[in-house]
Amino acid sequence: MRVLLLLLLATHAIACKDSNTYRFNNNPDKNCKWVAQKPSRCQKVDSNNESISKYCQETCDICSKQKKKIGQYCSADSDCESWTCRENTCYASDSCKPIKQLAGQEFDENMIVLVFVGSGFTDLMEWKMAVTKTFYAFDEFEMFEYANSRYVALYVDELEEESYCNFQCQGVPTLLCCQLKQMRALTNKCIPPGANVNTIVIENSEEYGGGGYFEANMATTSMHKLGPQVAVHELMHSLFELADEYTSSHFGSSYANCDIGCSKWSDLDKHLGGGLCSTKGCRNGEFNVPGVTFMQYLDQPVGEVNTRYTCCTYIALTGGYPSYCSRYEFGKGLLNYCKNDYQGYGKNIYEIDNPYREESEEIDGGKFVLVPFATTIYVNMTDGSFDYEEGLYSEGPRLVKKRSYYGDFPNLHMAIEAGVKEVTKLVLEFDSDEKQILYYESKEKIDMPPNTGSERQSIDFVEKDLDELEVVIDSSNGIIIGVEIEQKKITWFTILVTYVGVWMSKKLTIIGASIGGVIILGAVMLKILSKRKKNKNCS
């Protein structure tokens, strides 16, 4: 999978091409093919005061010097397609600034990227101090040590004076919810979203609180003294795919750090002389957890088991691991351990040394999918309105969460099998007349911040109605011209109709196969009889 990803990224990096989504003055018939019919149109400027040639690069023959992508090495602004070269690296905008990045260090691939954005700050110096204070505490955690060359940290150096986050979310005092679209728009000022990009939103408030968005790769926190620890805890969910270990959590054995019998980390337990299988936790306290750790209480260490899992994340997303991971090179080795894929990335994401593995777009059984021409739209779940992701830099092969591309369920039947009570059906209509149907759970889960100190958590997540949905599309299919939203409650009637439909489909398939078989058999028999008759006449 990694070979395919690198190949696609390299292809995209050197290809100077026309935009699949551009339409001159939003006219659906005036795309780059329309421009090619009359090359002088390349000189036109659209209603946004932007040149057609900016979007129809191949048609307008402006490819003599290929521009560098965001995160690639540069020596001048003119080297970058974004026209922003800072620290010898192409940035998405002037607003993006480094917190932890060496001059010339590339982050377009094989790198985890943390982006800090603010909410409710009215003073630029105060915002910079907030970023510095929060990130300074990250160095206390091995996976985010400053010496770790496998990740970079950036921040958006501009003010969002109007807060787009709110405490008391869903009536829970410490839960801090933020508007996804606004968060993503700020992140895009540094880098487009992807599996390796995580955003930390800092709310300008001294209140204790935060939240974790598993699917959006977003952690929220505040200016409280424990704010940095909350941010790291939420990144343990959204980046490292680990569960809360307190007994009120909904997490079970499908998560890496919840198990029955500790078989997932028995090798490490034996290697360290025991002691890693004596604590109960996760859902209703029914599972073993690897001791009393940071995933239960903020004042506890991350623990050896969970720290090793962070190494697997680095291998999966960057193709290598930081120096602290070398202590896990025992037995069959760290890579072979990670190939057990307890975090659910997809087993072939770890096949970093096998160029002959299946070059599949989807990572085998995992949480990610590689979209060749990824573009994001944001759908307002109230009125069905939608917006495209801002910026020219969203197109290109991108590893994204499978949910954002395929939905939560492939069809209504699978939603029923999952036991959900309600789903949201999304119908995307392209200008190519193609339609795409996606099914999502009607509510999103937001992880609660841990209670302070060693207090026990009463609940670990809340369910919130979907206000906004982030959907990744393949722009080679065309541009979205309409979105339909339908809320479907899973009633007994819905179940009956769905299963009858599935049954009929299977029956028709069998009947079709039977009829096809009869036709084929008849054709064979007719051919045999014809041949026999011919032979008889010859004799």
Protein backbone atom coordinates (compact mmCIF):
# COMPACT_ATOMS: atom_id res chain seq x y z
CA MET A 1 0.00 0.00 0.00
CA ARG A 2 2.78 2.43 0.88
CA VAL A 3 4.43 1.84 -2.52
CA LEU A 4 1.14 2.73 -4.23
CA LEU A 5 0.72 5.80 -2.04
CA LEU A 6 4.22 7.05 -2.80
CA LEU A 7 3.74 6.33 -6.51
CA LEU A 8 0.49 8.29 -6.62
CA LEU A 9 1.94 11.15 -4.62
CA ALA A 10 4.98 11.31 -6.85
CA THR A 11 2.80 11.25 -9.95
CA HIS A 12 0.69 14.06 -8.59
CA ALA A 13 3.76 16.06 -7.58
CA ILE A 14 5.19 16.11 -11.11
CA ALA A 15 1.92 16.30 -13.07
CA CYS A 16 0.89 19.73 -14.25
CA LYS A 17 -2.76 19.22 -15.06
CA ASP A 18 -6.17 20.78 -15.50
CA SER A 19 -8.56 21.04 -12.58
CA ASN A 20 -11.44 18.55 -12.76
CA THR A 21 -13.73 20.81 -10.77
CA TYR A 22 -13.17 24.24 -12.33
CA ARG A 23 -16.12 25.86 -14.11
CA PHE A 24 -15.72 29.37 -15.58
CA ASN A 25 -18.14 31.65 -13.70
CA ASN A 26 -19.84 28.50 -12.35
CA ASN A 27 -21.17 27.63 -15.80
CA PRO A 28 -21.36 23.79 -15.87
CA ASP A 29 -20.48 23.69 -19.61
CA LYS A 30 -17.41 25.89 -19.35
CA ASN A 31 -14.66 23.62 -18.07
CA CYS A 32 -11.08 23.20 -19.28
CA LYS A 33 -12.28 21.27 -22.35
CA TRP A 34 -14.29 24.36 -23.28
CA VAL A 35 -11.11 26.42 -22.90
CA ALA A 36 -9.21 24.01 -25.17
CA GLN A 37 -11.68 24.68 -28.00
CA LYS A 38 -10.40 28.25 -28.16
CA PRO A 39 -6.92 28.72 -26.57
CA SER A 40 -7.33 32.50 -26.41
CA ARG A 41 -9.76 31.87 -23.55
CA CYS A 42 -6.71 31.18 -21.37
CA GLN A 43 -6.29 34.94 -21.11
CA LYS A 44 -9.75 35.43 -19.61
CA VAL A 45 -10.33 36.35 -15.98
CA ASP A 46 -13.42 35.01 -14.21
CA SER A 47 -15.86 36.76 -11.89
CA ASN A 48 -13.53 36.04 -8.95
CA ASN A 49 -10.77 37.97 -10.76
CA GLU A 50 -8.77 34.77 -11.25
CA SER A 51 -7.15 33.73 -14.51
CA ILE A 52 -8.46 30.65 -16.29
CA SER A 53 -4.85 29.55 -16.83
CA LYS A 54 -4.48 29.11 -13.08
CA TYR A 55 -6.96 26.23 -13.22
CA CYS A 56 -6.43 24.91 -16.76
CA GLN A 57 -2.65 24.62 -16.55
CA GLU A 58 -2.14 21.84 -19.08
CA THR A 59 -4.56 23.31 -21.62
CA CYS A 60 -3.00 26.76 -21.28
CA ASP A 61 0.54 25.36 -21.50
CA ILE A 62 1.99 26.93 -18.36
CA CYS A 63 3.75 23.79 -17.23
CA SER A 64 7.31 24.70 -18.17
CA LYS A 65 8.26 24.92 -14.51
CA GLN A 66 6.50 22.56 -12.16
CA LYS A 67 5.51 24.11 -8.85
CA LYS A 68 6.17 22.34 -5.56
CA LYS A 69 3.37 20.97 -3.39
CA ILE A 70 2.65 21.98 0.20
CA GLY A 71 5.26 20.47 2.49
CA GLN A 72 7.95 20.11 -0.20
CA TYR A 73 11.37 21.78 -0.26
CA CYS A 74 11.64 25.25 -1.81
CA SER A 75 14.09 28.14 -2.03
CA ALA A 76 11.72 30.93 -3.12
CA ASP A 77 8.00 31.75 -3.20
CA SER A 78 7.97 31.19 -6.95
CA ASP A 79 8.90 27.52 -6.39
CA CYS A 80 5.57 26.82 -4.66
CA GLU A 81 2.12 26.46 -6.17
CA SER A 82 0.90 28.31 -3.08
CA TRP A 83 3.51 31.06 -3.64
CA THR A 84 4.53 30.77 0.00
CA CYS A 85 8.01 29.48 0.84
CA ARG A 86 8.91 29.59 4.54
CA GLU A 87 11.72 27.74 6.32
CA ASN A 88 12.66 26.37 2.87
CA THR A 89 9.33 24.54 2.75
CA CYS A 90 6.15 25.32 0.80
CA TYR A 91 3.36 26.36 3.16
CA ALA A 92 -0.30 26.70 2.24
CA SER A 93 -0.41 30.35 3.29
CA ASP A 94 1.44 33.15 5.06
CA SER A 95 -0.73 32.46 8.12
CA CYS A 96 0.94 29.09 8.72
CA LYS A 97 3.95 29.21 11.05
CA PRO A 98 6.21 26.46 12.42
CA ILE A 99 6.39 25.45 16.08
CA LYS A 100 8.53 22.38 15.49
CA GLN A 101 10.07 22.03 12.05
CA LEU A 102 13.65 22.14 10.87
CA ALA A 103 14.46 24.43 7.94
CA GLY A 104 13.87 22.50 4.74
CA GLN A 105 12.21 19.58 6.53
CA GLU A 106 9.53 18.22 4.21
CA PHE A 107 6.14 17.11 5.51
CA ASP A 108 4.17 16.33 2.35
CA GLU A 109 4.51 12.59 3.06
CA ASN A 110 5.86 10.17 5.68
CA MET A 111 5.28 12.68 8.46
CA ILE A 112 2.65 13.20 11.15
CA VAL A 113 1.51 16.83 11.17
CA LEU A 114 -0.04 18.58 14.19
CA VAL A 115 -1.79 21.88 13.49
CA PHE A 116 -2.80 24.23 16.33
CA VAL A 117 -5.70 26.63 15.69
CA GLY A 118 -7.38 29.11 18.02
CA SER A 119 -10.94 30.06 18.91
CA GLY A 120 -12.05 33.28 20.61
CA PHE A 121 -8.62 34.97 20.82
CA THR A 122 -8.60 38.75 20.30
CA ASP A 123 -4.89 39.42 20.83
CA LEU A 124 -2.26 37.88 18.56
CA MET A 125 0.46 37.80 21.23
CA GLU A 126 -1.92 36.11 23.66
CA TRP A 127 -2.69 33.48 21.02
CA LYS A 128 1.01 32.82 20.38
CA MET A 129 1.59 32.42 24.13
CA ALA A 130 -1.29 29.92 24.30
CA VAL A 131 0.23 27.82 21.52
CA THR A 132 3.69 27.95 23.14
CA LYS A 133 2.35 26.96 26.56
CA THR A 134 0.29 24.08 25.19
CA PHE A 135 2.97 22.67 22.93
CA TYR A 136 5.69 23.04 25.57
CA ALA A 137 3.90 20.42 27.68
CA PHE A 138 3.84 17.95 24.76
CA ASP A 139 7.56 17.36 25.29
CA GLU A 140 6.69 15.52 28.53
CA PHE A 141 5.27 12.67 26.43
CA GLU A 142 7.68 10.36 24.60
CA MET A 143 5.62 10.21 21.44
CA PHE A 144 5.78 14.01 21.15
CA GLU A 145 9.32 14.69 22.36
CA TYR A 146 10.94 17.60 20.57
CA ALA A 147 13.72 15.31 19.33
CA ASN A 148 11.19 13.11 17.51
CA SER A 149 11.84 13.73 13.81
CA ARG A 150 8.74 11.80 12.69
CA TYR A 151 6.34 14.68 13.28
CA VAL A 152 6.15 18.42 12.75
CA ALA A 153 3.97 20.96 14.54
CA LEU A 154 2.51 24.07 12.93
CA TYR A 155 0.08 26.77 14.00
CA VAL A 156 -2.20 29.23 12.24
CA ASP A 157 -1.00 32.71 13.13
CA GLU A 158 -4.24 34.62 12.83
CA LEU A 159 -7.14 35.47 15.12
CA GLU A 160 -10.60 33.97 15.23
CA GLU A 161 -12.13 36.57 17.53
CA GLU A 162 -15.58 34.99 17.37
CA SER A 163 -15.51 31.70 19.25
CA TYR A 164 -16.65 28.74 17.17
CA CYS A 165 -16.53 26.38 20.16
CA ASN A 166 -18.83 26.04 23.15
CA PHE A 167 -18.73 24.46 26.59
CA GLN A 168 -21.86 22.86 28.06
CA CYS A 169 -22.13 20.89 24.82
CA GLN A 170 -25.10 18.53 25.06
CA GLY A 171 -25.57 19.78 28.62
CA VAL A 172 -22.18 18.46 29.79
CA PRO A 173 -20.19 21.27 31.52
CA THR A 174 -16.70 20.08 30.51
CA LEU A 175 -17.46 18.99 26.95
CA LEU A 176 -16.06 21.48 24.42
CA CYS A 177 -17.61 21.14 20.95
CA CYS A 178 -16.38 23.09 17.93
CA GLN A 179 -17.67 23.75 14.42
CA LEU A 180 -16.00 21.29 12.09
CA LYS A 181 -16.07 23.47 8.99
CA GLN A 182 -14.41 26.43 10.72
CA MET A 183 -11.76 24.21 12.28
CA ARG A 184 -10.98 22.62 8.91
CA ALA A 185 -10.84 25.99 7.12
CA LEU A 186 -8.17 27.13 9.57
CA THR A 187 -6.22 23.86 9.29
CA ASN A 188 -6.21 24.24 5.51
CA LYS A 189 -4.16 27.41 5.93
CA CYS A 190 -1.31 25.04 6.81
CA ILE A 191 -2.11 21.75 5.08
CA PRO A 192 -5.08 19.89 3.55
CA PRO A 193 -6.65 17.21 5.77
CA GLY A 194 -5.45 13.62 5.65
CA ALA A 195 -4.92 10.54 7.80
CA ASN A 196 -1.61 11.97 9.05
CA VAL A 197 -2.97 15.44 9.93
CA ASN A 198 -4.40 16.16 13.39
CA THR A 199 -5.81 19.48 14.55
CA ILE A 200 -5.71 20.82 18.12
CA VAL A 201 -8.25 23.59 18.77
CA ILE A 202 -7.45 25.84 21.76
CA GLU A 203 -10.43 27.76 23.16
CA ASN A 204 -9.65 31.08 24.84
CA SER A 205 -11.08 30.12 28.23
CA GLU A 206 -9.73 29.14 31.64
CA GLU A 207 -12.52 26.58 32.09
CA TYR A 208 -11.52 22.91 32.25
CA GLY A 209 -12.72 20.89 29.31
CA GLY A 210 -12.13 19.48 25.87
CA GLY A 211 -13.33 16.87 23.43
CA GLY A 212 -12.11 14.25 21.00
CA TYR A 213 -13.43 13.78 17.47
CA PHE A 214 -12.33 10.32 16.35
CA GLU A 215 -13.40 10.63 12.72
CA ALA A 216 -12.36 14.25 12.21
CA ASN A 217 -8.83 13.88 13.64
CA MET A 218 -9.55 16.79 15.97
CA ALA A 219 -8.87 17.42 19.66
CA THR A 220 -10.30 20.41 21.56
CA THR A 221 -8.90 21.92 24.73
CA SER A 222 -8.73 25.19 26.67
CA MET A 223 -6.33 27.49 28.53
CA HIS A 224 -6.89 25.58 31.78
CA LYS A 225 -3.67 24.41 33.47
CA LEU A 226 -4.51 20.83 32.43
CA GLY A 227 -5.36 21.89 28.88
CA PRO A 228 -2.18 20.44 27.32
CA GLN A 229 -2.77 17.07 29.00
CA VAL A 230 -6.36 17.05 27.75
CA ALA A 231 -5.10 17.75 24.21
CA VAL A 232 -2.65 14.83 24.34
CA HIS A 233 -5.31 12.53 25.82
CA GLU A 234 -7.68 13.32 22.96
CA LEU A 235 -4.87 12.77 20.42
CA MET A 236 -4.40 9.32 21.93
CA HIS A 237 -7.88 8.68 20.53
CA SER A 238 -7.92 10.52 17.20
CA LEU A 239 -4.29 9.86 16.20
CA PHE A 240 -3.22 6.70 18.02
CA GLU A 241 -6.62 4.92 17.98
CA LEU A 242 -6.62 4.02 21.69
CA ALA A 243 -9.62 3.63 23.98
CA ASP A 244 -10.54 5.21 27.28
CA GLU A 245 -9.82 2.65 29.97
CA TYR A 246 -12.29 3.76 32.65
CA THR A 247 -15.13 1.38 33.36
CA SER A 248 -17.83 3.78 32.17
CA SER A 249 -16.40 3.78 28.64
CA HIS A 250 -18.16 2.14 25.71
CA PHE A 251 -14.93 0.63 24.39
CA GLY A 252 -14.47 -3.12 24.15
CA SER A 253 -12.01 -5.69 22.83
CA SER A 254 -12.08 -4.25 19.29
CA TYR A 255 -9.74 -1.56 20.66
CA ALA A 256 -6.02 -2.16 21.12
CA ASN A 257 -5.78 -1.43 24.86
CA CYS A 258 -8.89 -3.38 25.92
CA ASP A 259 -8.59 -7.16 25.94
CA ILE A 260 -9.78 -10.36 27.54
CA GLY A 261 -6.76 -12.20 28.91
CA CYS A 262 -4.11 -9.70 27.73
CA SER A 263 -3.08 -11.75 24.69
CA LYS A 264 -2.49 -8.51 22.75
CA TRP A 265 0.40 -7.52 24.99
CA SER A 266 1.38 -10.81 26.67
CA ASP A 267 4.79 -10.71 24.94
CA LEU A 268 5.56 -7.31 26.48
CA ASP A 269 4.21 -8.41 29.86
CA LYS A 270 6.59 -11.38 29.82
CA HIS A 271 9.48 -9.25 28.54
CA LEU A 272 9.07 -6.75 31.39
CA GLY A 273 8.58 -9.37 34.09
CA GLY A 274 4.79 -9.19 34.51
CA GLY A 275 2.39 -6.72 36.08
CA LEU A 276 0.58 -5.65 32.91
CA CYS A 277 -2.46 -7.91 33.24
CA SER A 278 -3.82 -7.23 36.72
CA THR A 279 -6.16 -4.28 36.07
CA LYS A 280 -9.74 -4.29 34.85
CA GLY A 281 -11.29 -1.49 32.83
CA CYS A 282 -13.02 -0.45 29.61
CA ARG A 283 -16.74 -1.18 29.17
CA ASN A 284 -18.31 -2.11 32.53
CA GLY A 285 -14.90 -3.22 33.79
CA GLU A 286 -15.24 -6.44 31.78
CA PHE A 287 -11.84 -6.24 30.11
CA ASN A 288 -8.18 -6.25 30.98
CA VAL A 289 -6.31 -2.97 30.54
CA PRO A 290 -2.52 -2.50 30.70
CA GLY A 291 -2.38 -1.07 34.22
CA VAL A 292 -3.50 2.29 35.58
CA THR A 293 -2.56 4.62 32.74
CA PHE A 294 -3.02 8.05 31.19
CA MET A 295 -6.03 6.69 29.30
CA GLN A 296 -7.85 6.53 32.63
CA TYR A 297 -6.34 9.33 34.72
CA LEU A 298 -4.46 12.42 33.53
CA ASP A 299 -1.92 12.18 36.35
CA GLN A 300 -0.78 8.66 35.36
CA PRO A 301 1.90 7.60 32.82
CA VAL A 302 0.98 6.50 29.31
CA GLY A 303 2.35 3.04 30.09
CA GLU A 304 4.53 0.68 28.09
CA VAL A 305 1.69 -1.06 26.26
CA ASN A 306 0.13 2.15 25.00
CA THR A 307 3.52 3.67 24.22
CA ARG A 308 4.32 0.71 21.97
CA TYR A 309 1.03 1.29 20.16
CA THR A 310 2.15 4.86 19.39
CA CYS A 311 5.17 3.32 17.66
CA CYS A 312 2.85 1.25 15.47
CA THR A 313 1.06 4.45 14.47
CA TYR A 314 4.33 6.05 13.41
CA ILE A 315 5.22 2.98 11.34
CA ALA A 316 1.77 2.93 9.73
CA LEU A 317 1.65 6.63 8.84
CA THR A 318 5.31 7.52 8.32
CA GLY A 319 7.04 4.26 7.36
CA GLY A 320 9.44 4.33 10.32
CA TYR A 321 9.60 4.96 14.04
CA PRO A 322 11.23 7.42 16.48
CA SER A 323 14.22 6.41 18.59
CA TYR A 324 12.19 5.71 21.76
CA CYS A 325 10.56 2.78 19.96
CA SER A 326 13.80 0.83 19.64
CA ARG A 327 13.28 -0.69 23.10
CA TYR A 328 10.41 -2.71 21.65
CA GLU A 329 12.73 -4.53 19.26
CA PHE A 330 12.62 -7.85 21.08
CA GLY A 331 11.22 -11.25 20.17
CA LYS A 332 9.91 -11.13 16.61
CA GLY A 333 10.51 -7.39 16.43
CA LEU A 334 8.35 -4.28 16.52
CA LEU A 335 7.21 -4.34 12.90
CA ASN A 336 5.99 -7.93 13.15
CA TYR A 337 4.13 -7.06 16.33
CA CYS A 338 2.46 -4.07 14.66
CA LYS A 339 1.34 -6.30 11.79
CA ASN A 340 -1.17 -7.82 14.22
CA ASP A 341 -2.95 -4.52 13.51
CA TYR A 342 -4.73 -4.20 16.85
CA GLN A 343 -5.33 -0.50 16.08
CA GLY A 344 -7.21 -1.34 12.89
CA TYR A 345 -5.19 0.59 10.32
CA GLY A 346 -5.30 -2.28 7.83
CA LYS A 347 -2.66 -4.99 7.78
CA ASN A 348 -1.05 -4.17 4.44
CA ILE A 349 -0.28 -0.62 5.54
CA TYR A 350 2.68 -2.16 7.39
CA GLU A 351 4.04 -3.93 4.28
CA ILE A 352 6.64 -1.20 3.81
CA ASP A 353 9.32 -3.53 2.37
CA ASN A 354 7.19 -5.48 -0.11
CA PRO A 355 6.84 -3.69 -3.47
CA TYR A 356 4.90 -6.64 -4.92
CA ARG A 357 1.97 -6.56 -2.53
CA GLU A 358 -1.49 -5.95 -3.95
CA GLU A 359 -1.81 -2.38 -5.17
CA SER A 360 -5.31 -1.84 -3.88
CA GLU A 361 -6.96 1.53 -3.45
CA GLU A 362 -8.39 0.37 -0.13
CA ILE A 363 -6.16 -0.65 2.73
CA ASP A 364 -7.10 -4.21 3.62
CA GLY A 365 -9.77 -4.17 6.31
CA GLY A 366 -8.53 -0.93 7.82
CA LYS A 367 -9.79 2.54 8.67
CA PHE A 368 -8.30 4.31 5.66
CA VAL A 369 -8.78 4.55 1.92
CA LEU A 370 -6.56 6.17 -0.70
CA VAL A 371 -8.58 8.56 -2.89
CA PRO A 372 -6.73 9.45 -6.15
CA PHE A 373 -8.30 12.91 -6.65
CA ALA A 374 -9.56 13.73 -3.19
CA THR A 375 -11.74 16.79 -2.70
CA THR A 376 -13.78 17.57 0.41
CA ILE A 377 -17.26 19.01 0.66
CA TYR A 378 -19.03 20.16 3.83
CA VAL A 379 -22.73 19.39 4.00
CA ASN A 380 -25.09 21.34 6.25
CA MET A 381 -27.33 18.62 7.69
CA THR A 382 -30.16 21.05 8.39
CA ASP A 383 -30.85 22.41 4.92
CA GLY A 384 -28.70 20.26 2.62
CA SER A 385 -26.53 23.16 1.48
CA PHE A 386 -22.88 22.36 0.82
CA ASP A 387 -19.53 24.03 0.22
CA TYR A 388 -16.33 22.83 -1.35
CA GLU A 389 -13.12 22.81 0.65
CA GLU A 390 -11.32 26.12 0.28
CA GLY A 391 -8.09 26.39 -1.68
CA LEU A 392 -6.57 24.86 -4.78
CA TYR A 393 -4.55 22.32 -2.89
CA SER A 394 -7.22 19.78 -1.98
CA GLU A 395 -6.93 17.77 -5.18
CA GLY A 396 -4.54 14.84 -5.29
CA PRO A 397 -4.05 11.37 -3.83
CA ARG A 398 -4.86 11.48 -0.15
CA LEU A 399 -5.15 8.85 2.56
CA VAL A 400 -8.41 9.58 4.38
CA LYS A 401 -10.70 7.97 6.93
CA LYS A 402 -12.83 5.38 5.15
CA ARG A 403 -15.98 6.80 6.73
CA SER A 404 -15.58 10.15 4.98
CA TYR A 405 -15.46 8.43 1.58
CA TYR A 406 -17.76 5.42 1.95
CA GLY A 407 -20.04 6.49 4.80
CA ASP A 408 -20.65 4.47 7.97
CA PHE A 409 -22.53 1.70 6.14
CA PRO A 410 -22.43 0.46 2.53
CA ASN A 411 -26.22 0.04 2.50
CA LEU A 412 -29.32 0.12 4.70
CA HIS A 413 -29.12 -3.62 5.28
CA MET A 414 -25.72 -3.28 6.98
CA ALA A 415 -27.02 -0.39 9.11
CA ILE A 416 -29.80 -2.66 10.37
CA GLU A 417 -27.27 -5.42 11.07
CA ALA A 418 -25.25 -2.91 13.14
CA GLY A 419 -28.29 -2.28 15.34
CA VAL A 420 -28.56 1.49 14.84
CA LYS A 421 -31.95 3.13 15.37
CA GLU A 422 -31.66 5.86 12.76
CA VAL A 423 -29.46 6.63 9.76
CA THR A 424 -28.90 9.61 7.50
CA LYS A 425 -29.09 8.85 3.80
CA LEU A 426 -27.02 11.19 1.68
CA VAL A 427 -27.45 11.32 -2.10
CA LEU A 428 -24.71 13.18 -3.98
CA GLU A 429 -25.50 14.27 -7.53
CA PHE A 430 -22.59 14.98 -9.91
CA ASP A 431 -22.69 17.07 -13.06
CA SER A 432 -21.76 13.86 -14.89
CA ASP A 433 -25.27 12.55 -13.99
CA GLU A 434 -23.69 10.04 -11.63
CA LYS A 435 -25.25 9.64 -8.19
CA GLN A 436 -23.57 8.37 -5.05
CA ILE A 437 -25.52 7.14 -2.01
CA LEU A 438 -23.94 7.17 1.45
CA TYR A 439 -25.37 6.07 4.79
CA TYR A 440 -24.22 7.68 8.04
CA GLU A 441 -25.17 7.31 11.66
CA SER A 442 -27.45 10.22 12.55
CA LYS A 443 -25.40 11.14 15.60
CA GLU A 444 -21.69 11.69 16.10
CA LYS A 445 -19.78 10.52 19.17
CA ILE A 446 -17.58 13.08 20.91
CA ASP A 447 -15.17 11.84 23.55
CA MET A 448 -15.37 13.44 26.98
CA PRO A 449 -12.23 14.84 28.62
CA PRO A 450 -11.12 12.80 31.65
CA ASN A 451 -12.05 14.07 35.07
CA THR A 452 -9.25 15.98 36.76
CA GLY A 453 -6.73 14.20 38.97
CA SER A 454 -7.72 10.65 39.91
CA GLU A 455 -11.47 11.18 39.92
CA ARG A 456 -13.51 8.52 38.17
CA GLN A 457 -15.33 9.35 34.98
CA SER A 458 -19.12 8.94 35.01
CA ILE A 459 -19.52 8.93 31.20
CA ASP A 460 -16.90 8.91 28.46
CA PHE A 461 -18.71 10.21 25.39
CA VAL A 462 -21.88 11.93 24.28
CA GLU A 463 -23.90 11.57 21.12
CA LYS A 464 -24.70 14.76 19.27
CA ASP A 465 -26.92 15.33 16.25
CA LEU A 466 -24.92 15.78 13.07
CA ASP A 467 -24.89 19.50 12.29
CA GLU A 468 -22.31 19.21 9.56
CA LEU A 469 -20.78 16.36 7.62
CA GLU A 470 -17.37 16.21 5.99
CA VAL A 471 -17.50 14.09 2.83
CA VAL A 472 -14.53 13.23 0.60
CA ILE A 473 -15.28 12.69 -3.08
CA ASP A 474 -13.19 11.70 -6.08
CA SER A 475 -13.26 14.86 -8.20
CA SER A 476 -12.63 12.83 -11.37
CA ASN A 477 -16.34 11.95 -11.16
CA GLY A 478 -17.20 15.61 -11.74
CA ILE A 479 -18.48 18.35 -9.46
CA ILE A 480 -21.34 18.10 -7.00
CA ILE A 481 -24.43 19.99 -8.15
CA GLY A 482 -26.91 18.77 -5.57
CA VAL A 483 -27.23 16.99 -2.23
CA GLU A 484 -30.33 15.24 -0.89
CA ILE A 485 -30.66 14.33 2.79
CA GLU A 486 -33.13 11.83 4.20
CA GLN A 487 -33.44 10.77 7.83
CA LYS A 488 -34.50 7.13 8.05
CA LYS A 489 -35.70 5.63 11.32
CA ILE A 490 -35.10 1.90 11.58
CA THR A 491 -38.61 0.61 12.28
CA TRP A 492 -39.96 -2.92 11.99
CA PHE A 493 -41.47 -1.92 8.65
CA THR A 494 -38.07 -0.65 7.44
CA ILE A 495 -36.45 -3.92 8.51
CA LEU A 496 -39.15 -5.98 6.78
CA VAL A 497 -38.96 -4.04 3.50
CA THR A 498 -35.14 -4.11 3.51
CA TYR A 499 -34.87 -7.84 4.16
CA VAL A 500 -37.54 -8.61 1.56
CA GLY A 501 -35.51 -6.55 -0.90
CA VAL A 502 -32.32 -8.45 -0.01
CA TRP A 503 -34.16 -11.79 -0.31
CA MET A 504 -35.66 -10.83 -3.68
CA SER A 505 -32.27 -9.71 -4.93
CA LYS A 506 -30.74 -13.06 -3.98
CA LYS A 507 -33.64 -14.96 -5.55
CA LEU A 508 -33.40 -12.96 -8.77
CA THR A 509 -29.67 -13.64 -8.84
CA ILE A 510 -30.30 -17.37 -8.44
CA ILE A 511 -33.10 -17.30 -11.02
CA GLY A 512 -30.95 -15.27 -13.36
CA ALA A 513 -28.10 -17.72 -12.91
CA SER A 514 -30.50 -20.64 -13.49
CA ILE A 515 -31.96 -19.09 -16.64
CA GLY A 516 -28.48 -18.26 -17.82
CA GLY A 517 -27.45 -21.84 -17.15
CA VAL A 518 -30.40 -23.20 -19.13
CA ILE A 519 -29.64 -20.89 -22.06
CA ILE A 520 -25.97 -21.89 -22.07
CA LEU A 521 -26.88 -25.58 -21.78
CA GLY A 522 -29.39 -25.20 -24.62
CA ALA A 523 -26.81 -23.51 -26.81
CA VAL A 524 -24.29 -26.27 -26.13
CA MET A 525 -26.86 -28.99 -26.88
CA LEU A 526 -27.91 -27.22 -30.10
CA LYS A 527 -24.29 -27.00 -31.19
CA ILE A 528 -23.75 -30.71 -30.46
CA LEU A 529 -26.92 -31.73 -32.35
CA SER A 530 -25.96 -29.51 -35.27
CA LYS A 531 -22.50 -31.04 -35.40
CA ARG A 532 -23.92 -34.57 -35.23
CA LYS A 533 -26.39 -33.79 -38.05
CA LYS A 534 -23.58 -32.38 -40.15
CA ASN A 535 -21.43 -35.48 -39.58
CA LYS A 536 -24.39 -37.72 -40.49
CA ASN A 537 -24.98 -35.89 -43.78
CA CYS A 538 -21.29 -36.17 -44.62
CA SER A 539 -21.38 -39.92 -44.15
